[in-house]
């Protein structure tokens, strides 16, 4: 079947859109345990970049799973497919010239490296939210840890399934120690150097 697929070649390319939007498209990938603050920090970072005049789009785990990936379970195979689809969507958005911000647990190094390979090393800004499991459990904003401890959820990352920290992330944020405002300010300064034309 694949031999019958012939991708079109378009006149308007990513370089044209980048120039039109006056920004360097990047994928800003927030990763960390549930409760580490990914969605909160990603949302605040997008807001700051948007107010600076950048064209952005935020992809978030729960939102994606209620639409594009609502057919996927939380098995290891479906978790990998979840991340793969997100990477493909993000790659299209980068081609559109956007600054894409994503917030996903994405616990496995191999999955994040797959995304890095898809969008390109220079376009992948991995931000690791390093927050102790104890603090994430105390927050437990979605009640997932409580359910996991009760045996109602299997393979929850950090409890029944491992989280593999990035080996050389673009930035590390200690969300159990830092004030969010300070983290956002530091991140935006560093990101701005990468996306400014």
C-alpha atoms as a PDB file:
ATOM      1  CA  UNK A   1       0.000   0.000   0.000  1.00  0.00           C
ATOM      2  CA  UNK A   2       2.822   2.420   0.843  1.00  0.00           C
ATOM      3  CA  UNK A   3       4.103   2.297  -2.725  1.00  0.00           C
ATOM      4  CA  UNK A   4       0.891   4.111  -3.708  1.00  0.00           C
ATOM      5  CA  UNK A   5       1.661   7.072  -1.421  1.00  0.00           C
ATOM      6  CA  UNK A   6       3.289  10.023  -3.151  1.00  0.00           C
ATOM      7  CA  UNK A   7       3.681  13.106  -0.894  1.00  0.00           C
ATOM      8  CA  UNK A   8       2.990  16.402  -2.647  1.00  0.00           C
ATOM      9  CA  UNK A   9       5.652  19.070  -3.033  1.00  0.00           C
ATOM     10  CA  UNK A  10       4.287  22.477  -2.067  1.00  0.00           C
ATOM     11  CA  UNK A  11       5.470  25.914  -3.133  1.00  0.00           C
ATOM     12  CA  UNK A  12       5.099  27.422   0.338  1.00  0.00           C
ATOM     13  CA  UNK A  13       7.632  25.787   2.652  1.00  0.00           C
ATOM     14  CA  UNK A  14       8.538  25.923   6.324  1.00  0.00           C
ATOM     15  CA  UNK A  15      11.276  28.477   5.660  1.00  0.00           C
ATOM     16  CA  UNK A  16       8.690  30.853   4.175  1.00  0.00           C
ATOM     17  CA  UNK A  17       6.366  30.489   7.168  1.00  0.00           C
ATOM     18  CA  UNK A  18       9.250  31.005   9.597  1.00  0.00           C
ATOM     19  CA  UNK A  19      10.165  34.273   7.897  1.00  0.00           C
ATOM     20  CA  UNK A  20       6.532  35.400   7.771  1.00  0.00           C
ATOM     21  CA  UNK A  21       6.113  34.799  11.511  1.00  0.00           C
ATOM     22  CA  UNK A  22       9.577  36.168  12.386  1.00  0.00           C
ATOM     23  CA  UNK A  23      10.448  33.327  14.739  1.00  0.00           C
ATOM     24  CA  UNK A  24      12.428  30.090  14.889  1.00  0.00           C
ATOM     25  CA  UNK A  25       9.960  27.203  15.263  1.00  0.00           C
ATOM     26  CA  UNK A  26      10.840  24.967  18.211  1.00  0.00           C
ATOM     27  CA  UNK A  27       9.232  22.138  20.158  1.00  0.00           C
ATOM     28  CA  UNK A  28       9.443  22.867  23.877  1.00  0.00           C
ATOM     29  CA  UNK A  29       8.891  19.500  25.563  1.00  0.00           C
ATOM     30  CA  UNK A  30       7.987  19.508  29.278  1.00  0.00           C
ATOM     31  CA  UNK A  31       8.497  16.075  30.865  1.00  0.00           C
ATOM     32  CA  UNK A  32       8.180  14.818  34.429  1.00  0.00           C
ATOM     33  CA  UNK A  33       6.009  12.858  36.825  1.00  0.00           C
ATOM     34  CA  UNK A  34       2.285  13.433  37.179  1.00  0.00           C
ATOM     35  CA  UNK A  35       1.908  16.295  39.650  1.00  0.00           C
ATOM     36  CA  UNK A  36       5.324  17.787  38.885  1.00  0.00           C
ATOM     37  CA  UNK A  37       3.664  20.865  37.381  1.00  0.00           C
ATOM     38  CA  UNK A  38       4.073  20.266  33.636  1.00  0.00           C
ATOM     39  CA  UNK A  39       0.718  21.667  32.524  1.00  0.00           C
ATOM     40  CA  UNK A  40       0.915  24.620  34.897  1.00  0.00           C
ATOM     41  CA  UNK A  41       4.431  25.590  33.861  1.00  0.00           C
ATOM     42  CA  UNK A  42       3.793  24.954  30.157  1.00  0.00           C
ATOM     43  CA  UNK A  43       0.672  27.125  30.288  1.00  0.00           C
ATOM     44  CA  UNK A  44       2.493  29.963  32.044  1.00  0.00           C
ATOM     45  CA  UNK A  45       5.426  29.713  29.629  1.00  0.00           C
ATOM     46  CA  UNK A  46       3.149  29.843  26.606  1.00  0.00           C
ATOM     47  CA  UNK A  47       1.337  32.858  28.051  1.00  0.00           C
ATOM     48  CA  UNK A  48       4.627  34.692  28.564  1.00  0.00           C
ATOM     49  CA  UNK A  49       5.856  33.910  25.027  1.00  0.00           C
ATOM     50  CA  UNK A  50       2.506  34.859  23.505  1.00  0.00           C
ATOM     51  CA  UNK A  51       2.586  38.217  25.307  1.00  0.00           C
ATOM     52  CA  UNK A  52       6.052  38.747  23.811  1.00  0.00           C
ATOM     53  CA  UNK A  53       4.485  38.450  20.354  1.00  0.00           C
ATOM     54  CA  UNK A  54       5.368  34.837  19.522  1.00  0.00           C
ATOM     55  CA  UNK A  55       2.965  32.530  17.687  1.00  0.00           C
ATOM     56  CA  UNK A  56       2.493  29.494  19.915  1.00  0.00           C
ATOM     57  CA  UNK A  57       0.396  26.376  20.412  1.00  0.00           C
ATOM     58  CA  UNK A  58       0.143  24.208  23.539  1.00  0.00           C
ATOM     59  CA  UNK A  59      -0.312  20.433  23.364  1.00  0.00           C
ATOM     60  CA  UNK A  60      -1.288  18.858  26.698  1.00  0.00           C
ATOM     61  CA  UNK A  61      -1.624  15.186  27.668  1.00  0.00           C
ATOM     62  CA  UNK A  62      -5.209  15.120  28.895  1.00  0.00           C
ATOM     63  CA  UNK A  63      -6.460  17.347  26.079  1.00  0.00           C
ATOM     64  CA  UNK A  64      -4.858  15.165  23.407  1.00  0.00           C
ATOM     65  CA  UNK A  65      -6.318  12.027  24.973  1.00  0.00           C
ATOM     66  CA  UNK A  66      -9.849  13.417  24.787  1.00  0.00           C
ATOM     67  CA  UNK A  67      -9.556  13.956  21.031  1.00  0.00           C
ATOM     68  CA  UNK A  68      -6.807  12.791  18.708  1.00  0.00           C
ATOM     69  CA  UNK A  69      -5.704   9.917  20.949  1.00  0.00           C
ATOM     70  CA  UNK A  70      -8.969   8.982  22.643  1.00  0.00           C
ATOM     71  CA  UNK A  71      -8.718   5.502  21.105  1.00  0.00           C
ATOM     72  CA  UNK A  72      -5.525   4.710  23.016  1.00  0.00           C
ATOM     73  CA  UNK A  73      -5.216   2.947  26.379  1.00  0.00           C
ATOM     74  CA  UNK A  74      -2.369   3.283  28.879  1.00  0.00           C
ATOM     75  CA  UNK A  75      -0.616   0.064  27.879  1.00  0.00           C
ATOM     76  CA  UNK A  76       3.088   0.424  27.046  1.00  0.00           C
ATOM     77  CA  UNK A  77       2.324   0.015  23.333  1.00  0.00           C
ATOM     78  CA  UNK A  78      -0.389   2.677  23.373  1.00  0.00           C
ATOM     79  CA  UNK A  79       1.759   5.047  25.443  1.00  0.00           C
ATOM     80  CA  UNK A  80       4.435   4.826  22.758  1.00  0.00           C
ATOM     81  CA  UNK A  81       1.836   5.411  20.029  1.00  0.00           C
ATOM     82  CA  UNK A  82       0.435   8.356  22.005  1.00  0.00           C
ATOM     83  CA  UNK A  83       3.835  10.037  22.038  1.00  0.00           C
ATOM     84  CA  UNK A  84       4.511   9.162  18.389  1.00  0.00           C
ATOM     85  CA  UNK A  85       1.271  10.812  17.243  1.00  0.00           C
ATOM     86  CA  UNK A  86       2.000  13.885  19.344  1.00  0.00           C
ATOM     87  CA  UNK A  87       5.422  14.116  17.724  1.00  0.00           C
ATOM     88  CA  UNK A  88       3.917  13.929  14.232  1.00  0.00           C
ATOM     89  CA  UNK A  89       1.400  16.674  15.046  1.00  0.00           C
ATOM     90  CA  UNK A  90       4.107  18.836  16.613  1.00  0.00           C
ATOM     91  CA  UNK A  91       6.283  18.361  13.529  1.00  0.00           C
ATOM     92  CA  UNK A  92       3.474  19.637  11.280  1.00  0.00           C
ATOM     93  CA  UNK A  93       3.065  22.649  13.557  1.00  0.00           C
ATOM     94  CA  UNK A  94       6.791  23.361  13.380  1.00  0.00           C
ATOM     95  CA  UNK A  95       6.499  23.317   9.596  1.00  0.00           C
ATOM     96  CA  UNK A  96       3.699  25.873  10.009  1.00  0.00           C
ATOM     97  CA  UNK A  97       6.235  28.079  11.803  1.00  0.00           C
ATOM     98  CA  UNK A  98       4.814  27.792  15.314  1.00  0.00           C
ATOM     99  CA  UNK A  99       6.467  27.566  18.722  1.00  0.00           C
ATOM    100  CA  UNK A 100       4.974  24.317  20.030  1.00  0.00           C
ATOM    101  CA  UNK A 101       4.808  23.727  23.766  1.00  0.00           C
ATOM    102  CA  UNK A 102       3.999  20.239  25.001  1.00  0.00           C
ATOM    103  CA  UNK A 103       3.314  18.819  28.457  1.00  0.00           C
ATOM    104  CA  UNK A 104       3.522  15.020  28.671  1.00  0.00           C
ATOM    105  CA  UNK A 105       4.866  12.611  31.275  1.00  0.00           C
ATOM    106  CA  UNK A 106       6.657  10.788  28.424  1.00  0.00           C
ATOM    107  CA  UNK A 107       8.526   8.583  30.911  1.00  0.00           C
ATOM    108  CA  UNK A 108      10.850   6.745  28.548  1.00  0.00           C
ATOM    109  CA  UNK A 109      14.069   8.160  27.124  1.00  0.00           C
ATOM    110  CA  UNK A 110      13.568   6.159  23.926  1.00  0.00           C
ATOM    111  CA  UNK A 111      10.209   7.853  23.257  1.00  0.00           C
ATOM    112  CA  UNK A 112      11.607  11.328  23.797  1.00  0.00           C
ATOM    113  CA  UNK A 113      14.576  10.492  21.592  1.00  0.00           C
ATOM    114  CA  UNK A 114      12.116   9.360  18.915  1.00  0.00           C
ATOM    115  CA  UNK A 115      10.550  12.833  19.024  1.00  0.00           C
ATOM    116  CA  UNK A 116      13.969  14.492  18.961  1.00  0.00           C
ATOM    117  CA  UNK A 117      14.831  12.480  15.860  1.00  0.00           C
ATOM    118  CA  UNK A 118      11.523  13.348  14.218  1.00  0.00           C
ATOM    119  CA  UNK A 119      11.684  17.131  14.665  1.00  0.00           C
ATOM    120  CA  UNK A 120      15.481  17.485  14.636  1.00  0.00           C
ATOM    121  CA  UNK A 121      18.025  17.983  17.402  1.00  0.00           C
ATOM    122  CA  UNK A 122      18.071  21.781  17.086  1.00  0.00           C
ATOM    123  CA  UNK A 123      14.273  22.013  17.254  1.00  0.00           C
ATOM    124  CA  UNK A 124      13.774  19.943  20.415  1.00  0.00           C
ATOM    125  CA  UNK A 125      14.052  21.783  23.735  1.00  0.00           C
ATOM    126  CA  UNK A 126      13.560  19.213  26.491  1.00  0.00           C
ATOM    127  CA  UNK A 127      12.635  20.623  29.888  1.00  0.00           C
ATOM    128  CA  UNK A 128      12.751  18.220  32.807  1.00  0.00           C
ATOM    129  CA  UNK A 129      10.538  18.990  35.783  1.00  0.00           C
ATOM    130  CA  UNK A 130      12.517  17.360  38.559  1.00  0.00           C
ATOM    131  CA  UNK A 131      10.099  16.973  41.437  1.00  0.00           C
ATOM    132  CA  UNK A 132      10.353  14.280  44.139  1.00  0.00           C
ATOM    133  CA  UNK A 133       7.660  11.594  44.002  1.00  0.00           C
ATOM    134  CA  UNK A 134       6.694  12.434  47.592  1.00  0.00           C
ATOM    135  CA  UNK A 135       5.785  16.012  46.628  1.00  0.00           C
ATOM    136  CA  UNK A 136       3.947  14.855  43.486  1.00  0.00           C
ATOM    137  CA  UNK A 137       1.930  12.453  45.647  1.00  0.00           C
ATOM    138  CA  UNK A 138       1.141  15.188  48.162  1.00  0.00           C
ATOM    139  CA  UNK A 139      -0.197  17.346  45.337  1.00  0.00           C
ATOM    140  CA  UNK A 140      -2.002  14.459  43.566  1.00  0.00           C
ATOM    141  CA  UNK A 141      -4.222  16.963  41.756  1.00  0.00           C
ATOM    142  CA  UNK A 142      -5.894  14.209  39.695  1.00  0.00           C
ATOM    143  CA  UNK A 143      -6.107  11.600  42.450  1.00  0.00           C
ATOM    144  CA  UNK A 144      -4.010   9.181  40.389  1.00  0.00           C
ATOM    145  CA  UNK A 145      -1.474   8.296  43.056  1.00  0.00           C
ATOM    146  CA  UNK A 146      -4.202   7.513  45.573  1.00  0.00           C
ATOM    147  CA  UNK A 147      -5.872   5.183  43.057  1.00  0.00           C
ATOM    148  CA  UNK A 148      -2.543   3.562  42.230  1.00  0.00           C
ATOM    149  CA  UNK A 149      -1.787   2.941  45.911  1.00  0.00           C
ATOM    150  CA  UNK A 150      -5.247   1.368  46.224  1.00  0.00           C
ATOM    151  CA  UNK A 151      -4.507  -0.908  43.294  1.00  0.00           C
ATOM    152  CA  UNK A 152      -7.126   0.734  41.077  1.00  0.00           C
ATOM    153  CA  UNK A 153      -4.565   1.946  38.491  1.00  0.00           C
ATOM    154  CA  UNK A 154      -1.814  -0.321  37.190  1.00  0.00           C
ATOM    155  CA  UNK A 155       1.505   0.862  35.837  1.00  0.00           C
ATOM    156  CA  UNK A 156       1.181   4.490  36.960  1.00  0.00           C
ATOM    157  CA  UNK A 157       4.481   6.205  36.239  1.00  0.00           C
ATOM    158  CA  UNK A 158       6.470   6.527  39.451  1.00  0.00           C
ATOM    159  CA  UNK A 159       4.523   3.767  41.224  1.00  0.00           C
ATOM    160  CA  UNK A 160       4.154   0.690  39.020  1.00  0.00           C
ATOM    161  CA  UNK A 161       6.083   1.921  36.010  1.00  0.00           C
ATOM    162  CA  UNK A 162       9.463   3.703  35.913  1.00  0.00           C
ATOM    163  CA  UNK A 163      10.274   7.263  34.903  1.00  0.00           C
ATOM    164  CA  UNK A 164      13.581   7.718  33.088  1.00  0.00           C
ATOM    165  CA  UNK A 165      14.977  11.246  33.637  1.00  0.00           C
ATOM    166  CA  UNK A 166      16.537  13.010  30.634  1.00  0.00           C
ATOM    167  CA  UNK A 167      20.290  12.607  30.379  1.00  0.00           C
ATOM    168  CA  UNK A 168      21.027  16.088  29.009  1.00  0.00           C
ATOM    169  CA  UNK A 169      17.906  18.263  28.991  1.00  0.00           C
ATOM    170  CA  UNK A 170      17.772  21.821  27.702  1.00  0.00           C
ATOM    171  CA  UNK A 171      16.790  22.904  31.221  1.00  0.00           C
ATOM    172  CA  UNK A 172      15.945  21.356  34.595  1.00  0.00           C
ATOM    173  CA  UNK A 173      13.266  22.922  36.790  1.00  0.00           C
ATOM    174  CA  UNK A 174      13.008  21.879  40.441  1.00  0.00           C
ATOM    175  CA  UNK A 175       9.290  22.498  40.840  1.00  0.00           C
ATOM    176  CA  UNK A 176       9.275  21.301  44.421  1.00  0.00           C
ATOM    177  CA  UNK A 177      11.640  24.112  45.407  1.00  0.00           C
ATOM    178  CA  UNK A 178      11.309  26.988  42.927  1.00  0.00           C
ATOM    179  CA  UNK A 179       8.559  29.569  42.673  1.00  0.00           C
ATOM    180  CA  UNK A 180       6.718  29.196  39.390  1.00  0.00           C
ATOM    181  CA  UNK A 181       7.227  32.863  38.511  1.00  0.00           C
ATOM    182  CA  UNK A 182      10.995  32.461  38.857  1.00  0.00           C
ATOM    183  CA  UNK A 183      10.988  29.288  36.781  1.00  0.00           C
ATOM    184  CA  UNK A 184       8.960  30.910  34.001  1.00  0.00           C
ATOM    185  CA  UNK A 185      11.207  33.962  33.910  1.00  0.00           C
ATOM    186  CA  UNK A 186      14.338  31.817  33.676  1.00  0.00           C
ATOM    187  CA  UNK A 187      12.849  29.523  31.031  1.00  0.00           C
ATOM    188  CA  UNK A 188      11.531  32.323  28.846  1.00  0.00           C
ATOM    189  CA  UNK A 189      14.904  34.094  28.849  1.00  0.00           C
ATOM    190  CA  UNK A 190      16.659  30.925  27.749  1.00  0.00           C
ATOM    191  CA  UNK A 191      13.984  29.938  25.199  1.00  0.00           C
ATOM    192  CA  UNK A 192      13.902  33.427  23.730  1.00  0.00           C
ATOM    193  CA  UNK A 193      17.529  33.064  22.659  1.00  0.00           C
ATOM    194  CA  UNK A 194      16.562  29.999  20.623  1.00  0.00           C
ATOM    195  CA  UNK A 195      13.401  31.315  18.962  1.00  0.00           C
ATOM    196  CA  UNK A 196      14.255  34.947  18.293  1.00  0.00           C
ATOM    197  CA  UNK A 197      15.178  35.919  14.729  1.00  0.00           C
END
